[in-house]
Every structure is written in C-alpha cells, then in structure tokens.
Amino acid sequence: MEILNEFVSTLGFPIAVTVFLLIRIEKKLDELNKTLLLVVEALGKTQQ
C-alpha cells in the first residue's frame, strides 16, 4: 500500500498537469483550424 501511495504522489501531479495542458491545446487547435478554414475560404472568393 505504501508503494501505491508513493507512486500516486510522485506521478499523479505530472499526469494531471499533462492532461490539463492537452485539453487546453486541443481547444486552441480547434480554434486555429476554424480560423484557417475561414482564411482559405476568403482567399478562394477573392481569386474567383
């Protein structure tokens, strides 16, 4: 049981931070993708 407590206390925080950052980055990437699609669409309209 002591080993399990040590494992969670050692790796729990880095895992939690990693998950938090991955979720934030995913949201930012989705926003960036939408913006790029709008730019491509706008460029397509100006070239026609």
N, C-alpha and C. Protein backbone atom coordinates (compact mmCIF):
# COMPACT_ATOMS: atom_id res chain seq x y z
N MET A 1 0.83 -1.20 0.00
CA MET A 1 0.00 0.00 0.00
C MET A 1 0.87 1.26 0.00
N GLU A 2 1.98 1.20 0.67
CA GLU A 2 2.89 2.34 0.73
C GLU A 2 3.46 2.65 -0.65
N ILE A 3 3.73 1.60 -1.40
CA ILE A 3 4.28 1.79 -2.75
C ILE A 3 3.24 2.49 -3.64
N LEU A 4 1.98 2.10 -3.50
CA LEU A 4 0.92 2.73 -4.29
C LEU A 4 0.78 4.21 -3.95
N ASN A 5 0.82 4.54 -2.67
CA ASN A 5 0.74 5.94 -2.25
C ASN A 5 1.92 6.75 -2.81
N GLU A 6 3.10 6.17 -2.77
CA GLU A 6 4.28 6.86 -3.30
C GLU A 6 4.17 7.05 -4.81
N PHE A 7 3.67 6.03 -5.49
CA PHE A 7 3.50 6.11 -6.94
C PHE A 7 2.53 7.23 -7.32
N VAL A 8 1.39 7.28 -6.65
CA VAL A 8 0.38 8.30 -6.95
C VAL A 8 0.90 9.69 -6.61
N SER A 9 1.57 9.82 -5.49
CA SER A 9 2.07 11.14 -5.10
C SER A 9 3.20 11.61 -6.01
N THR A 10 3.96 10.67 -6.55
CA THR A 10 5.07 11.02 -7.43
C THR A 10 4.59 11.33 -8.84
N LEU A 11 3.70 10.52 -9.37
CA LEU A 11 3.28 10.67 -10.76
C LEU A 11 1.92 11.32 -10.94
N GLY A 12 1.15 11.44 -9.90
CA GLY A 12 -0.20 11.99 -10.02
C GLY A 12 -0.22 13.42 -10.51
N PHE A 13 0.62 14.26 -9.94
CA PHE A 13 0.64 15.68 -10.33
C PHE A 13 1.09 15.86 -11.78
N PRO A 14 2.20 15.26 -12.20
CA PRO A 14 2.60 15.42 -13.61
C PRO A 14 1.54 14.91 -14.59
N ILE A 15 0.88 13.82 -14.24
CA ILE A 15 -0.16 13.30 -15.12
C ILE A 15 -1.32 14.27 -15.20
N ALA A 16 -1.73 14.83 -14.07
CA ALA A 16 -2.83 15.78 -14.05
C ALA A 16 -2.49 17.03 -14.86
N VAL A 17 -1.28 17.53 -14.73
CA VAL A 17 -0.87 18.72 -15.48
C VAL A 17 -0.84 18.41 -16.98
N THR A 18 -0.35 17.25 -17.34
CA THR A 18 -0.30 16.86 -18.75
C THR A 18 -1.69 16.78 -19.35
N VAL A 19 -2.62 16.16 -18.64
CA VAL A 19 -3.99 16.06 -19.14
C VAL A 19 -4.60 17.45 -19.29
N PHE A 20 -4.39 18.30 -18.30
CA PHE A 20 -4.92 19.67 -18.36
C PHE A 20 -4.38 20.42 -19.57
N LEU A 21 -3.08 20.33 -19.80
CA LEU A 21 -2.47 21.04 -20.93
C LEU A 21 -2.92 20.48 -22.27
N LEU A 22 -3.08 19.17 -22.36
CA LEU A 22 -3.54 18.57 -23.61
C LEU A 22 -4.96 19.02 -23.95
N ILE A 23 -5.80 19.14 -22.94
CA ILE A 23 -7.17 19.61 -23.18
C ILE A 23 -7.16 21.05 -23.65
N ARG A 24 -6.34 21.88 -23.02
CA ARG A 24 -6.26 23.30 -23.43
C ARG A 24 -5.72 23.43 -24.85
N ILE A 25 -4.68 22.66 -25.17
CA ILE A 25 -4.08 22.74 -26.50
C ILE A 25 -5.08 22.26 -27.56
N GLU A 26 -5.86 21.24 -27.23
CA GLU A 26 -6.84 20.74 -28.19
C GLU A 26 -7.86 21.83 -28.54
N LYS A 27 -8.32 22.56 -27.56
CA LYS A 27 -9.27 23.64 -27.81
C LYS A 27 -8.65 24.72 -28.68
N LYS A 28 -7.40 25.06 -28.40
CA LYS A 28 -6.72 26.09 -29.19
C LYS A 28 -6.52 25.62 -30.63
N LEU A 29 -6.19 24.35 -30.82
CA LEU A 29 -6.01 23.82 -32.17
C LEU A 29 -7.32 23.82 -32.95
N ASP A 30 -8.42 23.53 -32.28
CA ASP A 30 -9.72 23.58 -32.94
C ASP A 30 -10.04 25.00 -33.41
N GLU A 31 -9.76 25.98 -32.56
CA GLU A 31 -10.00 27.37 -32.94
C GLU A 31 -9.10 27.78 -34.11
N LEU A 32 -7.85 27.35 -34.07
CA LEU A 32 -6.92 27.67 -35.15
C LEU A 32 -7.36 27.04 -36.46
N ASN A 33 -7.85 25.82 -36.40
CA ASN A 33 -8.32 25.13 -37.59
C ASN A 33 -9.51 25.87 -38.21
N LYS A 34 -10.45 26.31 -37.37
CA LYS A 34 -11.60 27.06 -37.87
C LYS A 34 -11.15 28.36 -38.54
N THR A 35 -10.20 29.03 -37.92
CA THR A 35 -9.70 30.29 -38.48
C THR A 35 -9.02 30.06 -39.82
N LEU A 36 -8.22 29.02 -39.91
CA LEU A 36 -7.54 28.72 -41.18
C LEU A 36 -8.54 28.37 -42.27
N LEU A 37 -9.59 27.67 -41.93
CA LEU A 37 -10.62 27.36 -42.92
C LEU A 37 -11.30 28.63 -43.43
N LEU A 38 -11.54 29.57 -42.53
CA LEU A 38 -12.12 30.85 -42.95
C LEU A 38 -11.18 31.62 -43.86
N VAL A 39 -9.89 31.59 -43.58
CA VAL A 39 -8.91 32.27 -44.41
C VAL A 39 -8.86 31.64 -45.80
N VAL A 40 -8.84 30.33 -45.85
CA VAL A 40 -8.81 29.64 -47.15
C VAL A 40 -10.07 29.96 -47.94
N GLU A 41 -11.20 29.98 -47.27
CA GLU A 41 -12.46 30.31 -47.94
C GLU A 41 -12.44 31.74 -48.47
N ALA A 42 -11.93 32.67 -47.68
CA ALA A 42 -11.86 34.07 -48.11
C ALA A 42 -10.91 34.23 -49.29
N LEU A 43 -9.79 33.53 -49.26
CA LEU A 43 -8.84 33.61 -50.38
C LEU A 43 -9.45 33.01 -51.65
N GLY A 44 -10.21 31.95 -51.49
CA GLY A 44 -10.87 31.35 -52.65
C GLY A 44 -11.87 32.28 -53.29
N LYS A 45 -12.57 33.06 -52.48
CA LYS A 45 -13.56 34.00 -53.02
C LYS A 45 -12.89 35.16 -53.75
N THR A 46 -11.73 35.60 -53.26
CA THR A 46 -11.06 36.73 -53.90
C THR A 46 -10.40 36.33 -55.21
N GLN A 47 -10.07 35.08 -55.38
CA GLN A 47 -9.41 34.64 -56.61
C GLN A 47 -10.40 34.36 -57.73
N GLN A 48 -11.66 34.25 -57.42
CA GLN A 48 -12.65 33.93 -58.46
C GLN A 48 -13.16 35.12 -59.15
